PDB file of N, CA and C in Angstrom:
ATOM      1  N   UNK A   1     126.164  62.650 106.132  1.00  0.00           N
ATOM      2  CA  UNK A   1     127.265  63.513 105.768  1.00  0.00           C
ATOM      3  C   UNK A   1     128.542  62.691 105.808  1.00  0.00           C
ATOM      4  N   UNK A   2     129.292  62.736 104.716  1.00  0.00           N
ATOM      5  CA  UNK A   2     130.511  61.942 104.617  1.00  0.00           C
ATOM      6  C   UNK A   2     131.697  62.736 105.146  1.00  0.00           C
ATOM      7  N   UNK A   3     132.502  62.082 105.921  1.00  0.00           N
ATOM      8  CA  UNK A   3     133.724  62.697 106.425  1.00  0.00           C
ATOM      9  C   UNK A   3     134.819  62.418 105.401  1.00  0.00           C
ATOM     10  N   UNK A   4     135.524  63.441 105.018  1.00  0.00           N
ATOM     11  CA  UNK A   4     136.592  63.287 104.036  1.00  0.00           C
ATOM     12  C   UNK A   4     137.769  62.534 104.654  1.00  0.00           C
ATOM     13  N   UNK A   5     138.434  61.749 103.829  1.00  0.00           N
ATOM     14  CA  UNK A   5     139.587  60.983 104.286  1.00  0.00           C
ATOM     15  C   UNK A   5     140.849  61.830 104.235  1.00  0.00           C
ATOM     16  N   UNK A   6     141.692  61.621 105.207  1.00  0.00           N
ATOM     17  CA  UNK A   6     143.002  62.249 105.233  1.00  0.00           C
ATOM     18  C   UNK A   6     144.016  61.123 105.239  1.00  0.00           C
ATOM     19  N   UNK A   7     144.992  61.187 104.358  1.00  0.00           N
ATOM     20  CA  UNK A   7     146.002  60.141 104.282  1.00  0.00           C
ATOM     21  C   UNK A   7     147.346  60.712 104.684  1.00  0.00           C
ATOM     22  N   UNK A   8     147.970  60.077 105.643  1.00  0.00           N
ATOM     23  CA  UNK A   8     149.312  60.477 106.082  1.00  0.00           C
ATOM     24  C   UNK A   8     150.305  59.476 105.495  1.00  0.00           C
ATOM     25  N   UNK A   9     151.420  59.980 105.047  1.00  0.00           N
ATOM     26  CA  UNK A   9     152.457  59.110 104.491  1.00  0.00           C
ATOM     27  C   UNK A   9     153.609  58.981 105.479  1.00  0.00           C
ATOM     28  N   UNK A  10     154.163  57.772 105.597  1.00  0.00           N
ATOM     29  CA  UNK A  10     155.338  57.601 106.453  1.00  0.00           C
ATOM     30  C   UNK A  10     156.535  58.343 105.863  1.00  0.00           C
ATOM     31  N   UNK A  11     157.530  58.565 106.648  1.00  0.00           N
ATOM     32  CA  UNK A  11     158.742  59.238 106.201  1.00  0.00           C
ATOM     33  C   UNK A  11     159.453  58.388 105.143  1.00  0.00           C
ATOM     34  N   UNK A  12     159.775  59.008 104.043  1.00  0.00           N
ATOM     35  CA  UNK A  12     160.491  58.300 102.967  1.00  0.00           C
ATOM     36  C   UNK A  12     161.876  57.864 103.446  1.00  0.00           C
ATOM     37  N   UNK A  13     162.526  58.727 104.196  1.00  0.00           N
ATOM     38  CA  UNK A  13     163.888  58.434 104.646  1.00  0.00           C
ATOM     39  C   UNK A  13     163.927  57.354 105.720  1.00  0.00           C
ATOM     40  N   UNK A  14     162.934  57.322 106.605  1.00  0.00           N
ATOM     41  CA  UNK A  14     162.941  56.362 107.706  1.00  0.00           C
ATOM     42  C   UNK A  14     162.237  55.042 107.367  1.00  0.00           C
ATOM     43  N   UNK A  15     161.191  55.101 106.573  1.00  0.00           N
ATOM     44  CA  UNK A  15     160.418  53.901 106.259  1.00  0.00           C
ATOM     45  C   UNK A  15     160.109  53.857 104.758  1.00  0.00           C
ATOM     46  N   UNK A  16     161.129  53.705 103.958  1.00  0.00           N
ATOM     47  CA  UNK A  16     160.994  53.779 102.510  1.00  0.00           C
ATOM     48  C   UNK A  16     159.980  52.775 101.973  1.00  0.00           C
ATOM     49  N   UNK A  17     160.005  51.530 102.416  1.00  0.00           N
ATOM     50  CA  UNK A  17     159.092  50.508 101.916  1.00  0.00           C
ATOM     51  C   UNK A  17     157.635  50.832 102.263  1.00  0.00           C
ATOM     52  N   UNK A  18     157.395  51.251 103.502  1.00  0.00           N
ATOM     53  CA  UNK A  18     156.037  51.622 103.905  1.00  0.00           C
ATOM     54  C   UNK A  18     155.554  52.827 103.094  1.00  0.00           C
ATOM     55  N   UNK A  19     156.473  53.784 102.895  1.00  0.00           N
ATOM     56  CA  UNK A  19     156.140  54.968 102.101  1.00  0.00           C
ATOM     57  C   UNK A  19     155.714  54.559 100.696  1.00  0.00           C
ATOM     58  N   UNK A  20     156.524  53.711 100.042  1.00  0.00           N
ATOM     59  CA  UNK A  20     156.229  53.279  98.670  1.00  0.00           C
ATOM     60  C   UNK A  20     154.913  52.505  98.609  1.00  0.00           C
ATOM     61  N   UNK A  21     154.669  51.650  99.615  1.00  0.00           N
ATOM     62  CA  UNK A  21     153.431  50.880  99.648  1.00  0.00           C
ATOM     63  C   UNK A  21     152.221  51.806  99.791  1.00  0.00           C
ATOM     64  N   UNK A  22     152.318  52.752 100.684  1.00  0.00           N
ATOM     65  CA  UNK A  22     151.213  53.686 100.924  1.00  0.00           C
ATOM     66  C   UNK A  22     150.972  54.566  99.689  1.00  0.00           C
ATOM     67  N   UNK A  23     152.056  55.000  99.043  1.00  0.00           N
ATOM     68  CA  UNK A  23     151.929  55.799  97.821  1.00  0.00           C
ATOM     69  C   UNK A  23     151.262  54.970  96.728  1.00  0.00           C
ATOM     70  N   UNK A  24     151.633  53.701  96.635  1.00  0.00           N
ATOM     71  CA  UNK A  24     151.025  52.810  95.636  1.00  0.00           C
ATOM     72  C   UNK A  24     149.512  52.694  95.877  1.00  0.00           C
ATOM     73  N   UNK A  25     149.123  52.493  97.143  1.00  0.00           N
ATOM     74  CA  UNK A  25     147.697  52.383  97.465  1.00  0.00           C
ATOM     75  C   UNK A  25     146.968  53.700  97.185  1.00  0.00           C
ATOM     76  N   UNK A  26     147.606  54.805  97.506  1.00  0.00           N
ATOM     77  CA  UNK A  26     147.002  56.109  97.240  1.00  0.00           C
ATOM     78  C   UNK A  26     146.860  56.336  95.733  1.00  0.00           C
ATOM     79  N   UNK A  27     147.879  55.933  94.998  1.00  0.00           N
ATOM     80  CA  UNK A  27     147.844  56.053  93.546  1.00  0.00           C
ATOM     81  C   UNK A  27     146.666  55.248  92.984  1.00  0.00           C
ATOM     82  N   UNK A  28     146.443  54.063  93.501  1.00  0.00           N
ATOM     83  CA  UNK A  28     145.330  53.233  93.058  1.00  0.00           C
ATOM     84  C   UNK A  28     143.987  53.897  93.379  1.00  0.00           C
ATOM     85  N   UNK A  29     143.912  54.555  94.532  1.00  0.00           N
ATOM     86  CA  UNK A  29     142.674  55.265  94.874  1.00  0.00           C
ATOM     87  C   UNK A  29     142.418  56.405  93.897  1.00  0.00           C
ATOM     88  N   UNK A  30     143.464  57.104  93.505  1.00  0.00           N
ATOM     89  CA  UNK A  30     143.302  58.157  92.502  1.00  0.00           C
ATOM     90  C   UNK A  30     142.900  57.551  91.170  1.00  0.00           C
ATOM     91  N   UNK A  31     143.562  56.469  90.807  1.00  0.00           N
ATOM     92  CA  UNK A  31     143.307  55.818  89.525  1.00  0.00           C
ATOM     93  C   UNK A  31     141.858  55.365  89.429  1.00  0.00           C
ATOM     94  N   UNK A  32     141.336  54.844  90.517  1.00  0.00           N
ATOM     95  CA  UNK A  32     139.950  54.360  90.549  1.00  0.00           C
ATOM     96  C   UNK A  32     139.052  55.346  91.294  1.00  0.00           C
ATOM     97  N   UNK A  33     139.327  56.615  91.146  1.00  0.00           N
ATOM     98  CA  UNK A  33     138.666  57.630  91.982  1.00  0.00           C
ATOM     99  C   UNK A  33     137.167  57.734  91.772  1.00  0.00           C
ATOM    100  N   UNK A  34     136.636  57.354  90.593  1.00  0.00           N
ATOM    101  CA  UNK A  34     135.186  57.481  90.423  1.00  0.00           C
ATOM    102  C   UNK A  34     134.473  56.180  90.728  1.00  0.00           C
ATOM    103  N   UNK A  35     135.221  55.155  91.102  1.00  0.00           N
ATOM    104  CA  UNK A  35     134.604  53.904  91.525  1.00  0.00           C
ATOM    105  C   UNK A  35     134.101  54.074  92.954  1.00  0.00           C
ATOM    106  N   UNK A  36     133.081  53.274  93.334  1.00  0.00           N
ATOM    107  CA  UNK A  36     132.624  53.359  94.728  1.00  0.00           C
ATOM    108  C   UNK A  36     133.790  53.102  95.678  1.00  0.00           C
ATOM    109  N   UNK A  37     133.917  53.949  96.671  1.00  0.00           N
ATOM    110  CA  UNK A  37     135.017  53.827  97.622  1.00  0.00           C
ATOM    111  C   UNK A  37     136.264  54.561  97.180  1.00  0.00           C
ATOM    112  N   UNK A  38     136.273  55.065  95.958  1.00  0.00           N
ATOM    113  CA  UNK A  38     137.412  55.838  95.473  1.00  0.00           C
ATOM    114  C   UNK A  38     137.353  57.246  96.052  1.00  0.00           C
ATOM    115  N   UNK A  39     138.298  58.079  95.665  1.00  0.00           N
ATOM    116  CA  UNK A  39     138.352  59.434  96.226  1.00  0.00           C
ATOM    117  C   UNK A  39     137.104  60.248  95.915  1.00  0.00           C
ATOM    118  N   UNK A  40     136.566  60.075  94.720  1.00  0.00           N
ATOM    119  CA  UNK A  40     135.357  60.819  94.367  1.00  0.00           C
ATOM    120  C   UNK A  40     134.107  60.077  94.815  1.00  0.00           C
ATOM    121  N   UNK A  41     134.268  58.817  95.183  1.00  0.00           N
ATOM    122  CA  UNK A  41     133.141  58.035  95.680  1.00  0.00           C
ATOM    123  C   UNK A  41     132.012  57.966  94.687  1.00  0.00           C
ATOM    124  N   UNK A  42     130.813  58.125  95.164  1.00  0.00           N
ATOM    125  CA  UNK A  42     129.629  58.038  94.311  1.00  0.00           C
ATOM    126  C   UNK A  42     129.089  59.419  93.970  1.00  0.00           C
ATOM    127  N   UNK A  43     129.944  60.408  93.906  1.00  0.00           N
ATOM    128  CA  UNK A  43     129.496  61.762  93.616  1.00  0.00           C
ATOM    129  C   UNK A  43     128.882  61.812  92.224  1.00  0.00           C
ATOM    130  N   UNK A  44     127.838  62.607  92.119  1.00  0.00           N
ATOM    131  CA  UNK A  44     127.114  62.731  90.863  1.00  0.00           C
ATOM    132  C   UNK A  44     127.929  63.549  89.857  1.00  0.00           C
ATOM    133  N   UNK A  45     127.832  63.182  88.600  1.00  0.00           N
ATOM    134  CA  UNK A  45     128.466  63.900  87.491  1.00  0.00           C
ATOM    135  C   UNK A  45     129.984  63.952  87.572  1.00  0.00           C
ATOM    136  N   UNK A  46     130.594  62.976  88.185  1.00  0.00           N
ATOM    137  CA  UNK A  46     132.046  62.924  88.248  1.00  0.00           C
ATOM    138  C   UNK A  46     132.545  62.333  86.940  1.00  0.00           C
ATOM    139  N   UNK A  47     133.508  62.990  86.327  1.00  0.00           N
ATOM    140  CA  UNK A  47     134.071  62.500  85.079  1.00  0.00           C
ATOM    141  C   UNK A  47     135.554  62.251  85.277  1.00  0.00           C
ATOM    142  N   UNK A  48     136.062  61.196  84.669  1.00  0.00           N
ATOM    143  CA  UNK A  48     137.488  60.916  84.818  1.00  0.00           C
ATOM    144  C   UNK A  48     138.331  61.954  84.076  1.00  0.00           C
ATOM    145  N   UNK A  49     139.529  62.157  84.542  1.00  0.00           N
ATOM    146  CA  UNK A  49     140.429  63.132  83.915  1.00  0.00           C
ATOM    147  C   UNK A  49     140.726  62.747  82.472  1.00  0.00           C
ATOM    148  N   UNK A  50     140.708  61.457  82.179  1.00  0.00           N
ATOM    149  CA  UNK A  50     140.997  61.018  80.803  1.00  0.00           C
ATOM    150  C   UNK A  50     139.941  61.534  79.825  1.00  0.00           C
ATOM    151  N   UNK A  51     138.763  61.907  80.325  1.00  0.00           N
ATOM    152  CA  UNK A  51     137.715  62.433  79.453  1.00  0.00           C
ATOM    153  C   UNK A  51     137.737  63.940  79.317  1.00  0.00           C
ATOM    154  N   UNK A  52     138.678  64.598  79.999  1.00  0.00           N
ATOM    155  CA  UNK A  52     138.723  66.056  79.972  1.00  0.00           C
ATOM    156  C   UNK A  52     138.893  66.633  78.563  1.00  0.00           C
ATOM    157  N   UNK A  53     139.837  66.132  77.740  1.00  0.00           N
ATOM    158  CA  UNK A  53     139.989  66.725  76.401  1.00  0.00           C
ATOM    159  C   UNK A  53     138.694  66.682  75.588  1.00  0.00           C
ATOM    160  N   UNK A  54     137.987  65.563  75.648  1.00  0.00           N
ATOM    161  CA  UNK A  54     136.727  65.452  74.916  1.00  0.00           C
ATOM    162  C   UNK A  54     135.692  66.423  75.470  1.00  0.00           C
ATOM    163  N   UNK A  55     135.608  66.519  76.792  1.00  0.00           N
ATOM    164  CA  UNK A  55     134.646  67.421  77.429  1.00  0.00           C
ATOM    165  C   UNK A  55     134.962  68.877  77.088  1.00  0.00           C
ATOM    166  N   UNK A  56     136.241  69.238  77.127  1.00  0.00           N
ATOM    167  CA  UNK A  56     136.645  70.608  76.783  1.00  0.00           C
ATOM    168  C   UNK A  56     136.289  70.917  75.328  1.00  0.00           C
ATOM    169  N   UNK A  57     136.489  69.948  74.453  1.00  0.00           N
ATOM    170  CA  UNK A  57     136.157  70.129  73.040  1.00  0.00           C
ATOM    171  C   UNK A  57     134.646  70.336  72.870  1.00  0.00           C
ATOM    172  N   UNK A  58     133.844  69.570  73.612  1.00  0.00           N
ATOM    173  CA  UNK A  58     132.388  69.718  73.549  1.00  0.00           C
ATOM    174  C   UNK A  58     131.955  71.083  74.067  1.00  0.00           C
ATOM    175  N   UNK A  59     132.571  71.536  75.146  1.00  0.00           N
ATOM    176  CA  UNK A  59     132.237  72.852  75.702  1.00  0.00           C
ATOM    177  C   UNK A  59     132.561  73.946  74.690  1.00  0.00           C
ATOM    178  N   UNK A  60     133.750  73.864  74.083  1.00  0.00           N
ATOM    179  CA  UNK A  60     134.149  74.884  73.111  1.00  0.00           C
ATOM    180  C   UNK A  60     133.231  74.862  71.898  1.00  0.00           C
ATOM    181  N   UNK A  61     132.833  73.661  71.454  1.00  0.00           N
ATOM    182  CA  UNK A  61     131.921  73.541  70.313  1.00  0.00           C
ATOM    183  C   UNK A  61     130.586  74.205  70.654  1.00  0.00           C
ATOM    184  N   UNK A  62     130.091  73.980  71.865  1.00  0.00           N
ATOM    185  CA  UNK A  62     128.844  74.594  72.305  1.00  0.00           C
ATOM    186  C   UNK A  62     128.969  76.110  72.316  1.00  0.00           C
ATOM    187  N   UNK A  63     130.085  76.605  72.819  1.00  0.00           N
ATOM    188  CA  UNK A  63     130.301  78.054  72.852  1.00  0.00           C
ATOM    189  C   UNK A  63     130.309  78.617  71.439  1.00  0.00           C
ATOM    190  N   UNK A  64     131.042  77.964  70.547  1.00  0.00           N
ATOM    191  CA  UNK A  64     131.130  78.457  69.174  1.00  0.00           C
ATOM    192  C   UNK A  64     129.780  78.438  68.475  1.00  0.00           C
ATOM    193  N   UNK A  65     128.986  77.408  68.745  1.00  0.00           N
ATOM    194  CA  UNK A  65     127.681  77.294  68.101  1.00  0.00           C
ATOM    195  C   UNK A  65     126.592  78.027  68.873  1.00  0.00           C
ATOM    196  N   UNK A  66     126.893  78.472  70.091  1.00  0.00           N
ATOM    197  CA  UNK A  66     125.943  79.151  70.970  1.00  0.00           C
ATOM    198  C   UNK A  66     124.691  78.317  71.226  1.00  0.00           C
ATOM    199  N   UNK A  67     124.830  77.011  71.211  1.00  0.00           N
ATOM    200  CA  UNK A  67     123.696  76.139  71.500  1.00  0.00           C
ATOM    201  C   UNK A  67     123.487  76.083  73.004  1.00  0.00           C
ATOM    202  N   UNK A  68     122.278  76.395  73.423  1.00  0.00           N
ATOM    203  CA  UNK A  68     121.900  76.304  74.833  1.00  0.00           C
ATOM    204  C   UNK A  68     122.917  76.979  75.746  1.00  0.00           C
ATOM    205  N   UNK A  69     123.495  78.035  75.293  1.00  0.00           N
ATOM    206  CA  UNK A  69     124.486  78.738  76.098  1.00  0.00           C
ATOM    207  C   UNK A  69     123.755  79.729  76.986  1.00  0.00           C
ATOM    208  N   UNK A  70     123.622  79.389  78.235  1.00  0.00           N
ATOM    209  CA  UNK A  70     122.888  80.260  79.130  1.00  0.00           C
ATOM    210  C   UNK A  70     123.839  81.061  80.009  1.00  0.00           C
ATOM    211  N   UNK A  71     124.880  81.556  79.387  1.00  0.00           N
ATOM    212  CA  UNK A  71     125.828  82.420  80.069  1.00  0.00           C
ATOM    213  C   UNK A  71     125.870  83.746  79.321  1.00  0.00           C
ATOM    214  N   UNK A  72     124.932  84.658  79.597  1.00  0.00           N
ATOM    215  CA  UNK A  72     124.861  85.913  78.840  1.00  0.00           C
ATOM    216  C   UNK A  72     126.157  86.693  78.849  1.00  0.00           C
ATOM    217  N   UNK A  73     126.829  86.746  79.985  1.00  0.00           N
ATOM    218  CA  UNK A  73     128.079  87.501  80.041  1.00  0.00           C
ATOM    219  C   UNK A  73     129.115  86.874  79.115  1.00  0.00           C
ATOM    220  N   UNK A  74     129.136  85.550  79.058  1.00  0.00           N
ATOM    221  CA  UNK A  74     130.070  84.848  78.182  1.00  0.00           C
ATOM    222  C   UNK A  74     129.721  85.123  76.725  1.00  0.00           C
ATOM    223  N   UNK A  75     128.423  85.121  76.406  1.00  0.00           N
ATOM    224  CA  UNK A  75     127.999  85.421  75.038  1.00  0.00           C
ATOM    225  C   UNK A  75     128.446  86.819  74.628  1.00  0.00           C
ATOM    226  N   UNK A  76     128.251  87.778  75.516  1.00  0.00           N
ATOM    227  CA  UNK A  76     128.638  89.164  75.224  1.00  0.00           C
ATOM    228  C   UNK A  76     130.146  89.251  75.039  1.00  0.00           C
ATOM    229  N   UNK A  77     130.893  88.598  75.926  1.00  0.00           N
ATOM    230  CA  UNK A  77     132.351  88.623  75.830  1.00  0.00           C
ATOM    231  C   UNK A  77     132.820  88.010  74.509  1.00  0.00           C
ATOM    232  N   UNK A  78     132.249  86.868  74.154  1.00  0.00           N
ATOM    233  CA  UNK A  78     132.644  86.206  72.912  1.00  0.00           C
ATOM    234  C   UNK A  78     132.242  87.047  71.709  1.00  0.00           C
ATOM    235  N   UNK A  79     131.031  87.615  71.751  1.00  0.00           N
ATOM    236  CA  UNK A  79     130.572  88.455  70.641  1.00  0.00           C
ATOM    237  C   UNK A  79     131.461  89.684  70.489  1.00  0.00           C
ATOM    238  N   UNK A  80     131.819  90.307  71.599  1.00  0.00           N
ATOM    239  CA  UNK A  80     132.693  91.477  71.556  1.00  0.00           C
ATOM    240  C   UNK A  80     134.049  91.120  70.975  1.00  0.00           C
ATOM    241  N   UNK A  81     134.613  90.020  71.453  1.00  0.00           N
ATOM    242  CA  UNK A  81     135.910  89.574  70.946  1.00  0.00           C
ATOM    243  C   UNK A  81     135.836  89.287  69.456  1.00  0.00           C
ATOM    244  N   UNK A  82     134.784  88.571  69.040  1.00  0.00           N
ATOM    245  CA  UNK A  82     134.647  88.201  67.626  1.00  0.00           C
ATOM    246  C   UNK A  82     134.452  89.446  66.758  1.00  0.00           C
ATOM    247  N   UNK A  83     133.654  90.402  67.236  1.00  0.00           N
ATOM    248  CA  UNK A  83     133.449  91.641  66.470  1.00  0.00           C
ATOM    249  C   UNK A  83     134.762  92.412  66.316  1.00  0.00           C
ATOM    250  N   UNK A  84     135.533  92.483  67.384  1.00  0.00           N
ATOM    251  CA  UNK A  84     136.830  93.160  67.304  1.00  0.00           C
ATOM    252  C   UNK A  84     137.750  92.444  66.327  1.00  0.00           C
ATOM    253  N   UNK A  85     137.713  91.128  66.353  1.00  0.00           N
ATOM    254  CA  UNK A  85     138.539  90.331  65.442  1.00  0.00           C
ATOM    255  C   UNK A  85     138.131  90.581  63.987  1.00  0.00           C
ATOM    256  N   UNK A  86     136.829  90.591  63.720  1.00  0.00           N
ATOM    257  CA  UNK A  86     136.326  90.836  62.360  1.00  0.00           C
ATOM    258  C   UNK A  86     136.688  92.247  61.912  1.00  0.00           C
ATOM    259  N   UNK A  87     136.570  93.224  62.825  1.00  0.00           N
ATOM    260  CA  UNK A  87     136.913  94.609  62.493  1.00  0.00           C
ATOM    261  C   UNK A  87     138.381  94.728  62.106  1.00  0.00           C
ATOM    262  N   UNK A  88     139.253  94.104  62.885  1.00  0.00           N
ATOM    263  CA  UNK A  88     140.685  94.161  62.579  1.00  0.00           C
ATOM    264  C   UNK A  88     140.993  93.506  61.241  1.00  0.00           C
ATOM    265  N   UNK A  89     140.369  92.353  60.997  1.00  0.00           N
ATOM    266  CA  UNK A  89     140.592  91.657  59.723  1.00  0.00           C
ATOM    267  C   UNK A  89     140.110  92.504  58.553  1.00  0.00           C
ATOM    268  N   UNK A  90     138.929  93.125  58.693  1.00  0.00           N
ATOM    269  CA  UNK A  90     138.363  93.941  57.619  1.00  0.00           C
ATOM    270  C   UNK A  90     139.225  95.173  57.353  1.00  0.00           C
ATOM    271  N   UNK A  91     139.630  95.864  58.421  1.00  0.00           N
ATOM    272  CA  UNK A  91     140.486  97.041  58.242  1.00  0.00           C
ATOM    273  C   UNK A  91     141.816  96.669  57.593  1.00  0.00           C
ATOM    274  N   UNK A  92     142.355  95.549  57.972  1.00  0.00           N
ATOM    275  CA  UNK A  92     143.611  95.088  57.395  1.00  0.00           C
ATOM    276  C   UNK A  92     143.460  94.845  55.892  1.00  0.00           C
ATOM    277  N   UNK A  93     142.344  94.205  55.528  1.00  0.00           N
ATOM    278  CA  UNK A  93     142.101  93.953  54.095  1.00  0.00           C
ATOM    279  C   UNK A  93     141.880  95.257  53.341  1.00  0.00           C
ATOM    280  N   UNK A  94     141.124  96.189  53.948  1.00  0.00           N
ATOM    281  CA  UNK A  94     140.844  97.457  53.273  1.00  0.00           C
ATOM    282  C   UNK A  94     142.112  98.278  53.075  1.00  0.00           C
ATOM    283  N   UNK A  95     143.020  98.243  54.044  1.00  0.00           N
ATOM    284  CA  UNK A  95     144.258  99.018  53.930  1.00  0.00           C
ATOM    285  C   UNK A  95     145.149  98.533  52.796  1.00  0.00           C
ATOM    286  N   UNK A  96     144.947  97.312  52.351  1.00  0.00           N
ATOM    287  CA  UNK A  96     145.765  96.792  51.251  1.00  0.00           C
ATOM    288  C   UNK A  96     144.971  96.646  49.951  1.00  0.00           C
ATOM    289  N   UNK A  97     143.691  97.019  49.966  1.00  0.00           N
ATOM    290  CA  UNK A  97     142.839  96.910  48.779  1.00  0.00           C
ATOM    291  C   UNK A  97     142.990  98.176  47.929  1.00  0.00           C
ATOM    292  N   UNK A  98     143.522  98.028  46.707  1.00  0.00           N
ATOM    293  CA  UNK A  98     143.794  99.186  45.840  1.00  0.00           C
ATOM    294  C   UNK A  98     142.518  99.931  45.453  1.00  0.00           C
ATOM    295  N   UNK A  99     141.451  99.213  45.203  1.00  0.00           N
ATOM    296  CA  UNK A  99     140.181  99.850  44.839  1.00  0.00           C
ATOM    297  C   UNK A  99     139.676 100.705  45.991  1.00  0.00           C
ATOM    298  N   UNK A 100     139.712 100.167  47.211  1.00  0.00           N
ATOM    299  CA  UNK A 100     139.269 100.907  48.395  1.00  0.00           C
ATOM    300  C   UNK A 100     140.129 102.146  48.604  1.00  0.00           C
ATOM    301  N   UNK A 101     141.443 102.004  48.451  1.00  0.00           N
ATOM    302  CA  UNK A 101     142.341 103.143  48.645  1.00  0.00           C
ATOM    303  C   UNK A 101     142.079 104.231  47.612  1.00  0.00           C
ATOM    304  N   UNK A 102     141.803 103.834  46.358  1.00  0.00           N
ATOM    305  CA  UNK A 102     141.495 104.822  45.310  1.00  0.00           C
ATOM    306  C   UNK A 102     140.177 105.523  45.623  1.00  0.00           C
ATOM    307  N   UNK A 103     139.173 104.768  46.071  1.00  0.00           N
ATOM    308  CA  UNK A 103     137.882 105.351  46.421  1.00  0.00           C
ATOM    309  C   UNK A 103     138.030 106.318  47.591  1.00  0.00           C
ATOM    310  N   UNK A 104     138.821 105.919  48.564  1.00  0.00           N
ATOM    311  CA  UNK A 104     139.044 106.779  49.735  1.00  0.00           C
ATOM    312  C   UNK A 104     139.718 108.095  49.320  1.00  0.00           C
ATOM    313  N   UNK A 105     140.687 107.980  48.413  1.00  0.00           N
ATOM    314  CA  UNK A 105     141.390 109.169  47.923  1.00  0.00           C
ATOM    315  C   UNK A 105     140.426 110.080  47.157  1.00  0.00           C
ATOM    316  N   UNK A 106     139.540 109.472  46.351  1.00  0.00           N
ATOM    317  CA  UNK A 106     138.569 110.258  45.576  1.00  0.00           C
ATOM    318  C   UNK A 106     137.577 110.962  46.510  1.00  0.00           C
ATOM    319  N   UNK A 107     137.115 110.270  47.537  1.00  0.00           N
ATOM    320  CA  UNK A 107     136.177 110.871  48.496  1.00  0.00           C
ATOM    321  C   UNK A 107     136.846 112.031  49.222  1.00  0.00           C
ATOM    322  N   UNK A 108     138.109 111.863  49.568  1.00  0.00           N
ATOM    323  CA  UNK A 108     138.840 112.926  50.251  1.00  0.00           C
ATOM    324  C   UNK A 108     138.955 114.161  49.344  1.00  0.00           C
ATOM    325  N   UNK A 109     139.215 113.928  48.058  1.00  0.00           N
ATOM    326  CA  UNK A 109     139.331 115.041  47.114  1.00  0.00           C
ATOM    327  C   UNK A 109     137.998 115.763  46.958  1.00  0.00           C
ATOM    328  N   UNK A 110     136.892 114.998  46.866  1.00  0.00           N
ATOM    329  CA  UNK A 110     135.564 115.599  46.740  1.00  0.00           C
ATOM    330  C   UNK A 110     135.240 116.409  48.001  1.00  0.00           C
ATOM    331  N   UNK A 111     135.544 115.857  49.171  1.00  0.00           N
ATOM    332  CA  UNK A 111     135.279 116.559  50.432  1.00  0.00           C
ATOM    333  C   UNK A 111     136.045 117.875  50.484  1.00  0.00           C
ATOM    334  N   UNK A 112     137.307 117.854  50.073  1.00  0.00           N
ATOM    335  CA  UNK A 112     138.107 119.080  50.079  1.00  0.00           C
ATOM    336  C   UNK A 112     137.548 120.112  49.097  1.00  0.00           C
ATOM    337  N   UNK A 113     137.074 119.644  47.933  1.00  0.00           N
ATOM    338  CA  UNK A 113     136.472 120.558  46.941  1.00  0.00           C
ATOM    339  C   UNK A 113     135.204 121.192  47.490  1.00  0.00           C
ATOM    340  N   UNK A 114     134.371 120.365  48.129  1.00  0.00           N
ATOM    341  CA  UNK A 114     133.125 120.883  48.701  1.00  0.00           C
ATOM    342  C   UNK A 114     133.411 121.881  49.821  1.00  0.00           C
ATOM    343  N   UNK A 115     134.387 121.579  50.667  1.00  0.00           N
ATOM    344  CA  UNK A 115     134.753 122.505  51.739  1.00  0.00           C
ATOM    345  C   UNK A 115     135.228 123.834  51.147  1.00  0.00           C
ATOM    346  N   UNK A 116     136.003 123.756  50.086  1.00  0.00           N
ATOM    347  CA  UNK A 116     136.516 124.967  49.431  1.00  0.00           C
ATOM    348  C   UNK A 116     135.364 125.782  48.842  1.00  0.00           C
ATOM    349  N   UNK A 117     134.434 125.104  48.158  1.00  0.00           N
ATOM    350  CA  UNK A 117     133.280 125.809  47.578  1.00  0.00           C
ATOM    351  C   UNK A 117     132.406 126.447  48.651  1.00  0.00           C
ATOM    352  N   UNK A 118     132.166 125.697  49.740  1.00  0.00           N
ATOM    353  CA  UNK A 118     131.332 126.222  50.821  1.00  0.00           C
ATOM    354  C   UNK A 118     131.975 127.440  51.474  1.00  0.00           C
ATOM    355  N   UNK A 119     133.270 127.398  51.669  1.00  0.00           N
ATOM    356  CA  UNK A 119     133.930 128.523  52.321  1.00  0.00           C
ATOM    357  C   UNK A 119     133.928 129.746  51.412  1.00  0.00           C
ATOM    358  N   UNK A 120     133.940 129.559  50.090  1.00  0.00           N
ATOM    359  CA  UNK A 120     133.873 130.700  49.159  1.00  0.00           C
ATOM    360  C   UNK A 120     132.483 131.328  49.152  1.00  0.00           C
ATOM    361  N   UNK A 121     131.458 130.519  49.345  1.00  0.00           N
ATOM    362  CA  UNK A 121     130.068 130.997  49.313  1.00  0.00           C
ATOM    363  C   UNK A 121     129.693 131.736  50.590  1.00  0.00           C
ATOM    364  N   UNK A 122     130.392 131.477  51.654  1.00  0.00           N
ATOM    365  CA  UNK A 122     130.037 132.098  52.925  1.00  0.00           C
ATOM    366  C   UNK A 122     130.658 133.413  53.062  1.00  0.00           C
TER     367      UNK A 122
END
């Protein structure tokens, strides 16, 4: 079991040079954090921060393609969001489509005629 390291820094106001030296060494440990002896040491699957954008892009690509996505709740959430997005886009297009609006008006007129005929027959 590895004991985690704790680093104390000297007072900047009282020992400025020691502070700067210690910060420099700490910075180097962060910089080389996935190297043996670095902050992350030999931990498995450690990736450098510089690779984060590429990794995030790969994760998003996997989500979009649903390849090997074993997160059912995430799939449902994404599917729900996408369906809502498609519904909004479709309704928006239909509200501005002249053919659809004319058809809707014609259906409404037919429905009103049928209601009128049915009420007369009863």
